[in-house]
Amino acid sequence: MIVNLLFRVLARFPLSLLHLFGGWAGWIAYAASPSYRRRVRRHLAQAVGDVDPAVLHSAIAEAGRQAFELPWLWLRPAEEVVAKVKRVEGWELVDAAHREGAGIVFMTPHLGCFEVTAQYIASLTPITVLYRPPRNAALEPLMQAGRVRGQMKTAPADLSGVRRLVKTLRSHEAIGMLPDQVPGAGEGAWADFFGRPAWTMTLAARLAEVKGVHVIYCWAERLPHGEGYVFRLSAPVEPLEGDLPARVATMNREIERVILKCPGQYMWGYNRYKKPRTGREAAAGSEA
C-alpha cells in the first residue's frame, strides 16, 4: 500500500525533477553503505583499470536516477514515455530483420534506462520480454502495469516462459532480456566478464540458436537534466557460434563492448559476480 502510494506520488513529478532527486539519492546510498561503495569501485576498476573519477561520479548518480525514474516510466501514459526517446540510432537493424521475416533477440544489459527500451520497441512492433517477479511483491502490479502495454507481453522466467519465447521467435517476432542478469543454479555457465568468472545465463545464447534469428544489443542513454533518452542499437561484432560455453563467452564480450561505450551509466553496484543461490555445480564452478 505504502509502496503503491509512493510510486503514484512520484509519477506525478516531471522526469527532470526525479532525475535530480535520484542523483542525490545515488550519492546518499554510496556514502551510507561501505559494502555497496566497495562493490561499485571494484567492479568499475575490474572493467576499466584506472578509474576516471568522472565516470565513477556519473555511475554513482545514475544508479539513483535509475531507481527514481521507475514510477514515471511505469505509471505515466505510454505515449508520454515513448516521446522521451529523443533520438534513435541503429533502428535500421530492426528494419532489416523485418524485411527478412526474422525473429529478433534484443539483449539489453543493465546500462542506462533499460526499462524504456522495451516500451519504445513495443510502440512500433510486438515484443515479449522475459519477466522475473521482483523480490518486493508490492512492486509486481506496478511493474506489470508499466510493462504490459502497447505491443509488449511478458514471459515468466520458467519453463512455460521459455516455451513462449521460442514460439515468439518462430513466429518471426521479437523478444527482450537482460543478458547480464545472474541466473539461478542450473540456468547458467561460468564465463569471463571483464576478466573475472561470472555465472552467466545460457538462455539468451540458446534462444539465439533459433533458425534465422537476428541478435541486436541495445540500450538507452540518459540525457542530462531529464531531457530524455537516446536509444542505441548495435549489431554483434562476433557471431554467436560454437558450443554453448563458446557462445556464452562471446555474448559476454559483446556485452562488455556495449557497456564500455557508456560506462558511466552501467549499474556497477549490481552484484554481477555473486554465486548462484544453490547447486553443487555452481559451488564447484565458483571455486575454480
Foldseek 3Di string as FASTA:
>chain_A
DVVVVVLVVLLPDALLVLLVVLLVVLVVVCVPDPVLVVLLVVLQCLQPPDDDVVLSSLQSSLVSSLVSCLSNLQPPDLVVQLVLQPAEADCVVVVVLVVVLFEEEEAEAQFARPLSVQSNVLQPFAEEEEDEQDPPNVCRVSVCSNAPDRNYHYAYPDPRSLVVLLVQRVSSYYYYYHFLDADAPPQFDWEDASRDTFTTGLSSLVSCPRPRYFYKYWDWHQDPSSSHTHIYIDGQPDDQDDDSRSSRRSVSVRVSVVCVVRVSGHNSSPPSRDFHPDDPVRVVVNVD
